[in-house]
């Protein structure tokens, strides 16, 4: 994403809570020390959320905040400086945000007048004078920086809009209110609005971490441990670590030797070295023929890439050391190795960022690595990487001098104990059939990918979606009023699994992909999974005299569908075109996020996933 000009329109779907920001630019968008305006359409479910709609941060602070707080409602405030001691001034409106409906929020900073002004739905809320001038932040702008809800049509201007201009903007920018975006995706987004016919097969929002967004989510201060997060196509790890130097000391009374902390000239035993590491791994999805990747360059990596390759960045900052101990001259070695998941595959480091240099030379450095997973006989395989640092040339020390940058604190390279970041790569060609009369060249196909397979993949659907709404309403009923659905369960309460938003363990149990062409275990007639699922679905629909196309949930493509035999499923009649459309989206979800079926003894279990329904019928 490039920097924006006079204004830029950006529509995005929200993601799971805790997975913000929703989007990020390649660099700063506005001069925050000059006059500017930020405007956005928003829809929130919580009036008490601590939300920030957009941020362009400095090192310690963001120069402005447009959003909401539990104490003051809607706010537009500015920060006096990029320091921990900075003060905040601006509009603390006391006005609660609308809940469950779209509203237009605008913050205007007038540098000449030193004022902050907040507008709601085109109307002035309040103008507040400021005692200080604004300052400029050089980092990229993040959208939905801390937010739970929907965001659409965010615009920025490098000038203060007038009240009339804000009113006109709210009146003309009605796309969000008229056609709210559908949330119809997994952990990485299939972005599309409710009015589109099909998802764009060439656009994939990876939701890749950058080093900045990874640091923003990790601990800001020295918390001893390793913090990690991941999406389907990206992983992030932040670690603080430190060393104290110890020396031999002779007890004058006994003549015995013991270890003591090396004291500083003032007699105090300080921590001799402390630093922070940030590690990001980004993976990719293949093009139709697998010769390249979808959305190349979205994370700043240029040059040819195949879907079996993935990138890793390791950066160090907050390096603080005691000059008196000489540890700043000790050498720090960054060493990253890789290991395939089996003897039949390779996991090669193709770009090597290993480095060894004095500790004092590491602050603010970044190293880039690239890896490639290949196999002549395994279509699906795993690849693990092991990023470590080692402090060398210490006089003497107690405790470890080697640290894993990802995994558990008790990882021990010498004893073979590892919890490394592991990705799963494949060479498979996946995708649904062509909807309607699309020609063959427009069929959606993705050949090859690497993902983080342990990330929860969530199929999101919306009862208000113009094409998927009837099926989404059926799933909603199966989850929320299961005893009112058909067929009736003979004994016990019906609990339909796979509900990401469920409140019990049975409801939140995952759905599991099956190979519909494989035999259904213990079936007396030796039928395949697909035959059993269709048979049980058809039987239930005939008994209930279903009108329309017979839709089942859970899906025929999962083990927990009608053929599972426990009665925890539902059938309902829906229009044929809506049923086929939802099947299309489901297969796109399976294909993009590599929700794979089992394959013999090499992959005995299918992948797991969940379903989340937005809205109420």
Foldseek 3Di string as FASTA:
>chain_A
DEADDQKDWDFFWDFDALLDDGDWHPKAREFQLAKKKKKWKWAAADQADPWFFKFQAADAGTQWGFDQHNVQGTWIWGWADRDPPIDIDADSQSDTDDHGAIKMWMWTAHQVQQKIWIDILLHTRDIDHDPHGTHGHIGIMTGRRRDDGGIGTIMMGRHGDDSVRSNVCSVVPCCCRVWNAWQFFKLWGQGDTLPDQAGQLQDTRQSEDDQVSLCVSDDPDQDAWKDKDFTWFKIKIKHKDFFFAWDWDADPVPRDIDIDTDADPVRHRDGFKMKMKMKMKGAFWAAQQQQAGGPPCPRPDDDGDGQQKMKMKMAMAPIDGDVRQVQQQWKKWKDKDKDWQDPQKDKDWPDDFIDIGGSVPRHGDMTMIMIGIDGPPDQKIKMFMWIKMAGPDGPHGPDGRMATRDDGRPADVVVPRDDTQMKMKGQDKFADDDPDPDDPVSGNIIGMHITRQVHAIEGEGELPRPQQNVVLQVVCCLQPVVCPFPDHAPDDDAAADQECPDDDPRNPDWWFFADQCAFDPPDPVRHGLLVLLVVQQVVGCVVVVAPADKAKPPDSRTCSTRNVPRRNIGIHHDHPRSRVSVVNSVRVNCRRSVQDHADPPVRHTTGTHHYYYDDHD
